[in-house]
Amino acid sequence: MSRIAKYAVVAVVALGMCVVAQAQAGPGPRRHMGAMGPGSFAFERIVGGFGGKVVTGAPFTGTVTSETVQTLSDGTKLDQKVNGTIARDSVGRTRTEMTFSHIGPLAASGEEAQIAFIRDPAAGKNYILNETRKTVLTIDRRAGSNEEGQWMGRGKDRGENANVQTTSLGSKTIDGLTVEGTQTTRTIPAGTIGNDKPIVITRVEWYSQDLQMVISSTHTDPRFGTTTYELTNINRSEPAQSMFTVPQDYTAARLRISMRPKVGEAPDSQ
């Protein structure tokens, strides 16, 4: 994982959140699936929001839901769900807002955090707002690296050579939008990562050309479970411009990141 990617992850955790959002990505070749599990698949969508393509002239607001279901070997079922809202204006600014509780330090304190992520491509900045504490972390993308957003799911770096097949599922209507479906199946051959049988990973996505984004997706990996994503209650009206600005009474968040390695771990590369 690159140093910039680590900064992004630690920034999110430090603000007391674990965000799931839909990256504005179209059909075509995908990065490796399943190398880091459904949690990283969900996180990839918010990281994609930091560096995804800018879509103009297609404003909307909607409700986002992401759920990961995993069954352990003893039959225990883990079910994690996150709900929120997402908005985009005509100039391409985006805002994703979600409520989190029982995550990391929030679990011990019983605190619930309302977190908003704003991307302003014209200004070259992203903002992570803790609306509960009225703090904001500003990320200046102009000072970043082109590595940002490229690290998620680099399966080839983990030796997971795989065979990929993509199939068209045709079109259908979701929430009044015509969407095109694609199923991608990735097979990790037996013996590649110590597996005695092939591991089959699938991703089904329904893409709206009008909104230029995925409306619904299902990612299934037998190692980690199934993650579903849905965008619903879609309103094509222009959202309020105040949604994409930082309130004046918010204070700047301070983020201290230590990259010191653990005992026996090699130092992080620069």
C-alpha atoms as a PDB file:
ATOM      1  CA  MET A   1       0.000   0.000   0.000  1.00  0.00           C
ATOM      2  CA  SER A   2       1.406   3.414  -0.894  1.00  0.00           C
ATOM      3  CA  ARG A   3       2.167   6.021   1.757  1.00  0.00           C
ATOM      4  CA  ILE A   4      -0.583   8.314   0.438  1.00  0.00           C
ATOM      5  CA  ALA A   5      -3.106   5.488   0.603  1.00  0.00           C
ATOM      6  CA  LYS A   6      -2.178   4.879   4.247  1.00  0.00           C
ATOM      7  CA  TYR A   7      -2.717   8.552   4.990  1.00  0.00           C
ATOM      8  CA  ALA A   8      -6.191   8.360   3.448  1.00  0.00           C
ATOM      9  CA  VAL A   9      -7.167   5.292   5.484  1.00  0.00           C
ATOM     10  CA  VAL A  10      -5.836   6.687   8.768  1.00  0.00           C
ATOM     11  CA  ALA A  11      -7.577  10.018   8.114  1.00  0.00           C
ATOM     12  CA  VAL A  12     -10.917   8.276   7.802  1.00  0.00           C
ATOM     13  CA  VAL A  13     -10.438   6.161  10.936  1.00  0.00           C
ATOM     14  CA  ALA A  14      -9.144   9.127  12.922  1.00  0.00           C
ATOM     15  CA  LEU A  15     -12.371  10.985  12.292  1.00  0.00           C
ATOM     16  CA  GLY A  16     -14.324   8.044  13.660  1.00  0.00           C
ATOM     17  CA  MET A  17     -15.803   6.693  10.450  1.00  0.00           C
ATOM     18  CA  CYS A  18     -15.714   3.943   7.886  1.00  0.00           C
ATOM     19  CA  VAL A  19     -17.365   5.318   4.766  1.00  0.00           C
ATOM     20  CA  VAL A  20     -19.044   3.500   1.914  1.00  0.00           C
ATOM     21  CA  ALA A  21     -19.932   5.366  -1.266  1.00  0.00           C
ATOM     22  CA  GLN A  22     -20.271   4.765  -4.941  1.00  0.00           C
ATOM     23  CA  ALA A  23     -17.369   5.807  -7.135  1.00  0.00           C
ATOM     24  CA  GLN A  24     -18.317   7.421 -10.415  1.00  0.00           C
ATOM     25  CA  ALA A  25     -16.872   4.719 -12.614  1.00  0.00           C
ATOM     26  CA  GLY A  26     -18.170   3.502 -15.919  1.00  0.00           C
ATOM     27  CA  PRO A  27     -18.141   0.104 -17.597  1.00  0.00           C
ATOM     28  CA  GLY A  28     -14.866  -1.335 -18.786  1.00  0.00           C
ATOM     29  CA  PRO A  29     -11.789  -3.029 -17.330  1.00  0.00           C
ATOM     30  CA  ARG A  30     -11.859  -3.274 -13.541  1.00  0.00           C
ATOM     31  CA  ARG A  31      -9.107  -3.534 -10.993  1.00  0.00           C
ATOM     32  CA  HIS A  32      -8.591  -6.850  -9.253  1.00  0.00           C
ATOM     33  CA  MET A  33     -11.521  -8.022  -7.138  1.00  0.00           C
ATOM     34  CA  GLY A  34     -11.305  -9.688  -3.792  1.00  0.00           C
ATOM     35  CA  ALA A  35      -7.672  -9.236  -2.893  1.00  0.00           C
ATOM     36  CA  MET A  36      -8.623  -7.307   0.221  1.00  0.00           C
ATOM     37  CA  GLY A  37     -12.185  -8.430   0.918  1.00  0.00           C
ATOM     38  CA  PRO A  38     -15.597  -6.749   0.803  1.00  0.00           C
ATOM     39  CA  GLY A  39     -14.569  -4.116   3.327  1.00  0.00           C
ATOM     40  CA  SER A  40     -11.900  -2.813   0.975  1.00  0.00           C
ATOM     41  CA  PHE A  41     -14.320  -3.151  -1.958  1.00  0.00           C
ATOM     42  CA  ALA A  42     -16.668  -0.804  -0.102  1.00  0.00           C
ATOM     43  CA  PHE A  43     -13.824   1.538   0.852  1.00  0.00           C
ATOM     44  CA  GLU A  44     -12.669   1.583  -2.767  1.00  0.00           C
ATOM     45  CA  ARG A  45     -15.882   3.367  -3.642  1.00  0.00           C
ATOM     46  CA  ILE A  46     -15.215   6.291  -1.300  1.00  0.00           C
ATOM     47  CA  VAL A  47     -11.562   6.496  -2.350  1.00  0.00           C
ATOM     48  CA  GLY A  48     -12.840   6.537  -5.910  1.00  0.00           C
ATOM     49  CA  GLY A  49     -14.871   9.573  -4.902  1.00  0.00           C
ATOM     50  CA  PHE A  50     -11.578  11.325  -4.099  1.00  0.00           C
ATOM     51  CA  GLY A  51     -10.129  10.696  -7.530  1.00  0.00           C
ATOM     52  CA  GLY A  52     -12.879   9.501  -9.864  1.00  0.00           C
ATOM     53  CA  LYS A  53     -13.900  11.256 -13.049  1.00  0.00           C
ATOM     54  CA  VAL A  54     -15.757  14.555 -12.804  1.00  0.00           C
ATOM     55  CA  VAL A  55     -19.333  14.331 -14.107  1.00  0.00           C
ATOM     56  CA  THR A  56     -21.021  17.620 -15.005  1.00  0.00           C
ATOM     57  CA  GLY A  57     -24.556  18.390 -16.148  1.00  0.00           C
ATOM     58  CA  ALA A  58     -26.086  15.415 -14.313  1.00  0.00           C
ATOM     59  CA  PRO A  59     -27.203  16.601 -10.860  1.00  0.00           C
ATOM     60  CA  PHE A  60     -29.033  14.286  -8.466  1.00  0.00           C
ATOM     61  CA  THR A  61     -29.587  13.277  -4.859  1.00  0.00           C
ATOM     62  CA  GLY A  62     -30.255   9.778  -3.580  1.00  0.00           C
ATOM     63  CA  THR A  63     -30.006   7.261  -0.768  1.00  0.00           C
ATOM     64  CA  VAL A  64     -27.091   4.822  -0.611  1.00  0.00           C
ATOM     65  CA  THR A  65     -27.085   1.476   1.187  1.00  0.00           C
ATOM     66  CA  SER A  66     -24.169  -0.940   1.486  1.00  0.00           C
ATOM     67  CA  GLU A  67     -24.400  -4.285   3.278  1.00  0.00           C
ATOM     68  CA  THR A  68     -21.804  -7.001   3.828  1.00  0.00           C
ATOM     69  CA  VAL A  69     -22.920 -10.469   4.893  1.00  0.00           C
ATOM     70  CA  GLN A  70     -20.354 -13.094   5.851  1.00  0.00           C
ATOM     71  CA  THR A  71     -20.868 -16.599   7.266  1.00  0.00           C
ATOM     72  CA  LEU A  72     -18.023 -17.981   9.373  1.00  0.00           C
ATOM     73  CA  SER A  73     -16.935 -21.634   9.405  1.00  0.00           C
ATOM     74  CA  ASP A  74     -18.865 -22.263  12.654  1.00  0.00           C
ATOM     75  CA  GLY A  75     -22.072 -20.925  11.113  1.00  0.00           C
ATOM     76  CA  THR A  76     -21.902 -17.496  12.745  1.00  0.00           C
ATOM     77  CA  LYS A  77     -23.317 -14.835  10.434  1.00  0.00           C
ATOM     78  CA  LEU A  78     -21.904 -11.310  10.355  1.00  0.00           C
ATOM     79  CA  ASP A  79     -24.157  -8.624   8.881  1.00  0.00           C
ATOM     80  CA  GLN A  80     -22.864  -5.056   8.558  1.00  0.00           C
ATOM     81  CA  LYS A  81     -25.004  -2.335   6.948  1.00  0.00           C
ATOM     82  CA  VAL A  82     -24.370   1.342   6.326  1.00  0.00           C
ATOM     83  CA  ASN A  83     -26.950   3.845   5.046  1.00  0.00           C
ATOM     84  CA  GLY A  84     -26.508   7.398   3.863  1.00  0.00           C
ATOM     85  CA  THR A  85     -27.178   9.992   1.195  1.00  0.00           C
ATOM     86  CA  ILE A  86     -25.253  11.147  -1.851  1.00  0.00           C
ATOM     87  CA  ALA A  87     -25.591  14.274  -3.979  1.00  0.00           C
ATOM     88  CA  ARG A  88     -23.940  15.797  -7.046  1.00  0.00           C
ATOM     89  CA  ASP A  89     -24.461  19.250  -8.542  1.00  0.00           C
ATOM     90  CA  SER A  90     -24.262  20.401 -12.157  1.00  0.00           C
ATOM     91  CA  VAL A  91     -20.605  21.438 -11.927  1.00  0.00           C
ATOM     92  CA  GLY A  92     -19.506  18.038 -10.626  1.00  0.00           C
ATOM     93  CA  ARG A  93     -19.174  18.613  -6.888  1.00  0.00           C
ATOM     94  CA  THR A  94     -20.220  15.605  -4.802  1.00  0.00           C
ATOM     95  CA  ARG A  95     -21.287  15.061  -1.218  1.00  0.00           C
ATOM     96  CA  THR A  96     -21.697  11.729   0.582  1.00  0.00           C
ATOM     97  CA  GLU A  97     -23.139  11.754   4.081  1.00  0.00           C
ATOM     98  CA  MET A  98     -23.455   8.830   6.513  1.00  0.00           C
ATOM     99  CA  THR A  99     -24.042   8.095  10.179  1.00  0.00           C
ATOM    100  CA  PHE A 100     -21.732   5.709  12.011  1.00  0.00           C
ATOM    101  CA  SER A 101     -21.820   4.077  15.424  1.00  0.00           C
ATOM    102  CA  HIS A 102     -20.206   1.062  17.119  1.00  0.00           C
ATOM    103  CA  ILE A 103     -17.079   1.467  14.981  1.00  0.00           C
ATOM    104  CA  GLY A 104     -13.589   1.729  16.458  1.00  0.00           C
ATOM    105  CA  PRO A 105     -13.469   4.371  19.250  1.00  0.00           C
ATOM    106  CA  LEU A 106     -17.191   5.041  18.768  1.00  0.00           C
ATOM    107  CA  ALA A 107     -18.046   1.557  20.045  1.00  0.00           C
ATOM    108  CA  ALA A 108     -16.557   2.222  23.485  1.00  0.00           C
ATOM    109  CA  SER A 109     -17.980   5.726  23.891  1.00  0.00           C
ATOM    110  CA  GLY A 110     -21.435   4.976  22.516  1.00  0.00           C
ATOM    111  CA  GLU A 111     -21.016   8.064  20.334  1.00  0.00           C
ATOM    112  CA  GLU A 112     -22.688   8.317  16.959  1.00  0.00           C
ATOM    113  CA  ALA A 113     -20.878  10.304  14.270  1.00  0.00           C
ATOM    114  CA  GLN A 114     -22.473  12.067  11.317  1.00  0.00           C
ATOM    115  CA  ILE A 115     -19.795  12.246   8.641  1.00  0.00           C
ATOM    116  CA  ALA A 116     -19.908  14.071   5.299  1.00  0.00           C
ATOM    117  CA  PHE A 117     -17.407  13.758   2.473  1.00  0.00           C
ATOM    118  CA  ILE A 118     -17.315  16.666  -0.018  1.00  0.00           C
ATOM    119  CA  ARG A 119     -15.339  16.648  -3.232  1.00  0.00           C
ATOM    120  CA  ASP A 120     -14.818  19.983  -5.006  1.00  0.00           C
ATOM    121  CA  PRO A 121     -12.853  19.272  -8.216  1.00  0.00           C
ATOM    122  CA  ALA A 122     -12.801  22.932  -9.320  1.00  0.00           C
ATOM    123  CA  ALA A 123     -11.068  23.943  -6.086  1.00  0.00           C
ATOM    124  CA  GLY A 124      -8.869  20.859  -6.156  1.00  0.00           C
ATOM    125  CA  LYS A 125      -9.886  19.971  -2.607  1.00  0.00           C
ATOM    126  CA  ASN A 126     -11.757  17.309  -0.661  1.00  0.00           C
ATOM    127  CA  TYR A 127     -13.311  17.789   2.756  1.00  0.00           C
ATOM    128  CA  ILE A 128     -14.162  15.269   5.469  1.00  0.00           C
ATOM    129  CA  LEU A 129     -16.640  16.810   7.912  1.00  0.00           C
ATOM    130  CA  ASN A 130     -17.495  15.416  11.333  1.00  0.00           C
ATOM    131  CA  GLU A 131     -20.910  17.023  11.699  1.00  0.00           C
ATOM    132  CA  THR A 132     -21.235  15.747  15.264  1.00  0.00           C
ATOM    133  CA  ARG A 133     -18.124  17.575  16.458  1.00  0.00           C
ATOM    134  CA  LYS A 134     -18.204  20.319  13.795  1.00  0.00           C
ATOM    135  CA  THR A 135     -14.676  19.688  12.560  1.00  0.00           C
ATOM    136  CA  VAL A 136     -13.309  19.448   9.031  1.00  0.00           C
ATOM    137  CA  LEU A 137     -10.258  17.777   7.554  1.00  0.00           C
ATOM    138  CA  THR A 138      -9.171  19.396   4.267  1.00  0.00           C
ATOM    139  CA  ILE A 139      -7.268  17.384   1.677  1.00  0.00           C
ATOM    140  CA  ASP A 140      -5.547  19.399  -1.062  1.00  0.00           C
ATOM    141  CA  ARG A 141      -5.444  17.137  -4.108  1.00  0.00           C
ATOM    142  CA  ARG A 142      -3.150  19.506  -5.956  1.00  0.00           C
ATOM    143  CA  ALA A 143      -0.413  18.537  -3.510  1.00  0.00           C
ATOM    144  CA  GLY A 144      -1.109  14.804  -3.900  1.00  0.00           C
ATOM    145  CA  SER A 145       0.349  12.039  -5.987  1.00  0.00           C
ATOM    146  CA  ASN A 146      -0.995  10.188  -8.992  1.00  0.00           C
ATOM    147  CA  GLU A 147      -0.676   7.063  -6.875  1.00  0.00           C
ATOM    148  CA  GLU A 148      -3.773   8.088  -4.917  1.00  0.00           C
ATOM    149  CA  GLY A 149      -6.727   5.888  -5.642  1.00  0.00           C
ATOM    150  CA  GLN A 150      -4.638   3.367  -7.573  1.00  0.00           C
ATOM    151  CA  TRP A 151      -3.736   0.941  -4.792  1.00  0.00           C
ATOM    152  CA  MET A 152      -7.057  -0.705  -4.055  1.00  0.00           C
ATOM    153  CA  GLY A 153      -7.103  -4.410  -4.812  1.00  0.00           C
ATOM    154  CA  ARG A 154      -3.756  -4.932  -6.452  1.00  0.00           C
ATOM    155  CA  GLY A 155      -4.190  -8.668  -6.579  1.00  0.00           C
ATOM    156  CA  LYS A 156      -1.318  -9.188  -8.989  1.00  0.00           C
ATOM    157  CA  ASP A 157       1.018  -7.862  -6.278  1.00  0.00           C
ATOM    158  CA  ARG A 158      -0.215 -10.688  -4.018  1.00  0.00           C
ATOM    159  CA  GLY A 159       0.447 -13.449  -6.535  1.00  0.00           C
ATOM    160  CA  GLU A 160      -3.251 -13.982  -7.231  1.00  0.00           C
ATOM    161  CA  ASN A 161      -3.035 -14.687 -10.959  1.00  0.00           C
ATOM    162  CA  ALA A 162      -6.593 -15.083 -12.139  1.00  0.00           C
ATOM    163  CA  ASN A 163      -8.786 -15.704 -15.142  1.00  0.00           C
ATOM    164  CA  VAL A 164     -11.463 -13.105 -15.860  1.00  0.00           C
ATOM    165  CA  GLN A 165     -14.642 -13.357 -17.895  1.00  0.00           C
ATOM    166  CA  THR A 166     -17.130 -10.524 -18.475  1.00  0.00           C
ATOM    167  CA  THR A 167     -20.720 -11.076 -19.591  1.00  0.00           C
ATOM    168  CA  SER A 168     -23.386  -8.550 -20.567  1.00  0.00           C
ATOM    169  CA  LEU A 169     -26.660  -8.884 -18.667  1.00  0.00           C
ATOM    170  CA  GLY A 170     -28.623  -6.587 -20.978  1.00  0.00           C
ATOM    171  CA  SER A 171     -30.671  -3.632 -19.780  1.00  0.00           C
ATOM    172  CA  LYS A 172     -33.486  -2.980 -17.303  1.00  0.00           C
ATOM    173  CA  THR A 173     -35.041  -0.088 -15.382  1.00  0.00           C
ATOM    174  CA  ILE A 174     -34.120   0.874 -11.810  1.00  0.00           C
ATOM    175  CA  ASP A 175     -35.793   3.849 -10.139  1.00  0.00           C
ATOM    176  CA  GLY A 176     -36.847   5.203 -13.524  1.00  0.00           C
ATOM    177  CA  LEU A 177     -33.348   4.931 -15.001  1.00  0.00           C
ATOM    178  CA  THR A 178     -32.293   2.611 -17.815  1.00  0.00           C
ATOM    179  CA  VAL A 179     -29.271   0.633 -16.637  1.00  0.00           C
ATOM    180  CA  GLU A 180     -26.897  -1.796 -18.352  1.00  0.00           C
ATOM    181  CA  GLY A 181     -25.772  -4.893 -16.477  1.00  0.00           C
ATOM    182  CA  THR A 182     -22.356  -6.545 -16.471  1.00  0.00           C
ATOM    183  CA  GLN A 183     -21.189  -9.658 -14.658  1.00  0.00           C
ATOM    184  CA  THR A 184     -17.476 -10.146 -14.125  1.00  0.00           C
ATOM    185  CA  THR A 185     -16.235 -13.536 -12.933  1.00  0.00           C
ATOM    186  CA  ARG A 186     -12.684 -13.910 -11.675  1.00  0.00           C
ATOM    187  CA  THR A 187     -11.211 -17.331 -10.936  1.00  0.00           C
ATOM    188  CA  ILE A 188      -8.114 -17.816  -8.804  1.00  0.00           C
ATOM    189  CA  PRO A 189      -6.723 -21.207  -9.930  1.00  0.00           C
ATOM    190  CA  ALA A 190      -6.109 -23.970  -7.404  1.00  0.00           C
ATOM    191  CA  GLY A 191      -2.695 -23.723  -5.765  1.00  0.00           C
ATOM    192  CA  THR A 192      -2.219 -20.019  -6.460  1.00  0.00           C
ATOM    193  CA  ILE A 193      -2.565 -18.880  -2.841  1.00  0.00           C
ATOM    194  CA  GLY A 194      -2.548 -22.289  -1.133  1.00  0.00           C
ATOM    195  CA  ASN A 195      -6.126 -23.048  -2.190  1.00  0.00           C
ATOM    196  CA  ASP A 196      -6.852 -26.707  -3.029  1.00  0.00           C
ATOM    197  CA  LYS A 197      -9.788 -25.692  -5.246  1.00  0.00           C
ATOM    198  CA  PRO A 198     -10.395 -22.755  -7.609  1.00  0.00           C
ATOM    199  CA  ILE A 199     -11.836 -19.634  -5.940  1.00  0.00           C
ATOM    200  CA  VAL A 200     -14.558 -17.943  -7.980  1.00  0.00           C
ATOM    201  CA  ILE A 201     -15.264 -14.257  -7.329  1.00  0.00           C
ATOM    202  CA  THR A 202     -18.148 -12.469  -9.024  1.00  0.00           C
ATOM    203  CA  ARG A 203     -19.236  -8.867  -9.391  1.00  0.00           C
ATOM    204  CA  VAL A 204     -22.545  -7.797 -10.898  1.00  0.00           C
ATOM    205  CA  GLU A 205     -22.997  -4.104 -11.704  1.00  0.00           C
ATOM    206  CA  TRP A 206     -25.889  -2.078 -13.147  1.00  0.00           C
ATOM    207  CA  TYR A 207     -24.657   1.144 -14.747  1.00  0.00           C
ATOM    208  CA  SER A 208     -26.681   4.255 -15.646  1.00  0.00           C
ATOM    209  CA  GLN A 209     -25.417   6.172 -18.656  1.00  0.00           C
ATOM    210  CA  ASP A 210     -27.599   9.161 -17.687  1.00  0.00           C
ATOM    211  CA  LEU A 211     -25.940   9.517 -14.280  1.00  0.00           C
ATOM    212  CA  GLN A 212     -22.647   7.961 -15.441  1.00  0.00           C
ATOM    213  CA  MET A 213     -22.377   5.779 -12.371  1.00  0.00           C
ATOM    214  CA  VAL A 214     -23.197   2.360 -10.973  1.00  0.00           C
ATOM    215  CA  ILE A 215     -26.689   2.239  -9.441  1.00  0.00           C
ATOM    216  CA  SER A 216     -26.565  -1.278  -8.002  1.00  0.00           C
ATOM    217  CA  SER A 217     -23.822  -3.847  -7.466  1.00  0.00           C
ATOM    218  CA  THR A 218     -23.200  -7.196  -5.799  1.00  0.00           C
ATOM    219  CA  HIS A 219     -19.701  -8.442  -5.018  1.00  0.00           C
ATOM    220  CA  THR A 220     -19.350 -12.078  -3.890  1.00  0.00           C
ATOM    221  CA  ASP A 221     -16.104 -13.636  -2.681  1.00  0.00           C
ATOM    222  CA  PRO A 222     -16.287 -17.005  -0.817  1.00  0.00           C
ATOM    223  CA  ARG A 223     -13.390 -15.893   1.376  1.00  0.00           C
ATOM    224  CA  PHE A 224     -15.102 -12.760   2.671  1.00  0.00           C
ATOM    225  CA  GLY A 225     -18.819 -12.912   1.950  1.00  0.00           C
ATOM    226  CA  THR A 226     -21.152 -10.785  -0.164  1.00  0.00           C
ATOM    227  CA  THR A 227     -21.300  -6.995  -0.355  1.00  0.00           C
ATOM    228  CA  THR A 228     -24.270  -5.264  -1.983  1.00  0.00           C
ATOM    229  CA  TYR A 229     -24.602  -1.600  -2.919  1.00  0.00           C
ATOM    230  CA  GLU A 230     -27.732   0.292  -3.967  1.00  0.00           C
ATOM    231  CA  LEU A 231     -28.581   3.860  -4.909  1.00  0.00           C
ATOM    232  CA  THR A 232     -32.319   4.519  -4.456  1.00  0.00           C
ATOM    233  CA  ASN A 233     -34.800   7.407  -4.077  1.00  0.00           C
ATOM    234  CA  ILE A 234     -33.069   9.206  -6.949  1.00  0.00           C
ATOM    235  CA  ASN A 235     -34.079  12.848  -7.512  1.00  0.00           C
ATOM    236  CA  ARG A 236     -32.672  14.517 -10.649  1.00  0.00           C
ATOM    237  CA  SER A 237     -33.196  18.096  -9.373  1.00  0.00           C
ATOM    238  CA  GLU A 238     -30.291  20.437  -8.596  1.00  0.00           C
ATOM    239  CA  PRO A 239     -29.307  20.043  -4.923  1.00  0.00           C
ATOM    240  CA  ALA A 240     -28.826  23.042  -2.628  1.00  0.00           C
ATOM    241  CA  GLN A 241     -25.406  24.648  -3.140  1.00  0.00           C
ATOM    242  CA  SER A 242     -24.891  24.882   0.631  1.00  0.00           C
ATOM    243  CA  MET A 243     -24.419  21.098   0.645  1.00  0.00           C
ATOM    244  CA  PHE A 244     -21.022  21.485  -1.029  1.00  0.00           C
ATOM    245  CA  THR A 245     -19.484  24.158   1.205  1.00  0.00           C
ATOM    246  CA  VAL A 246     -17.919  23.931   4.665  1.00  0.00           C
ATOM    247  CA  PRO A 247     -19.916  25.816   7.346  1.00  0.00           C
ATOM    248  CA  GLN A 248     -18.062  28.786   8.791  1.00  0.00           C
ATOM    249  CA  ASP A 249     -18.383  27.561  12.382  1.00  0.00           C
ATOM    250  CA  TYR A 250     -16.419  24.355  11.699  1.00  0.00           C
ATOM    251  CA  THR A 251     -12.882  24.106  13.084  1.00  0.00           C
ATOM    252  CA  ALA A 252      -9.965  22.469  11.326  1.00  0.00           C
ATOM    253  CA  ALA A 253      -9.274  18.899  12.405  1.00  0.00           C
ATOM    254  CA  ARG A 254      -5.725  18.026  13.396  1.00  0.00           C
ATOM    255  CA  LEU A 255      -4.435  14.691  12.168  1.00  0.00           C
ATOM    256  CA  ARG A 256      -1.247  13.105  13.449  1.00  0.00           C
ATOM    257  CA  ILE A 257      -0.071  10.035  11.584  1.00  0.00           C
ATOM    258  CA  SER A 258       2.694   7.760  12.813  1.00  0.00           C
ATOM    259  CA  MET A 259       4.260   5.454  10.272  1.00  0.00           C
ATOM    260  CA  ARG A 260       6.581   3.771  12.772  1.00  0.00           C
ATOM    261  CA  PRO A 261       6.673   0.036  12.024  1.00  0.00           C
ATOM    262  CA  LYS A 262       5.692  -2.610  14.525  1.00  0.00           C
ATOM    263  CA  VAL A 263       8.326  -4.799  16.136  1.00  0.00           C
ATOM    264  CA  GLY A 264       9.739  -7.101  13.472  1.00  0.00           C
ATOM    265  CA  GLU A 265       8.154  -5.126  10.620  1.00  0.00           C
ATOM    266  CA  ALA A 266      10.190  -3.449   7.911  1.00  0.00           C
ATOM    267  CA  PRO A 267       9.987   0.369   7.788  1.00  0.00           C
ATOM    268  CA  ASP A 268       7.415   1.820   5.388  1.00  0.00           C
ATOM    269  CA  SER A 269       8.809   2.810   2.019  1.00  0.00           C
ATOM    270  CA  GLN A 270       8.785   6.498   1.189  1.00  0.00           C
END
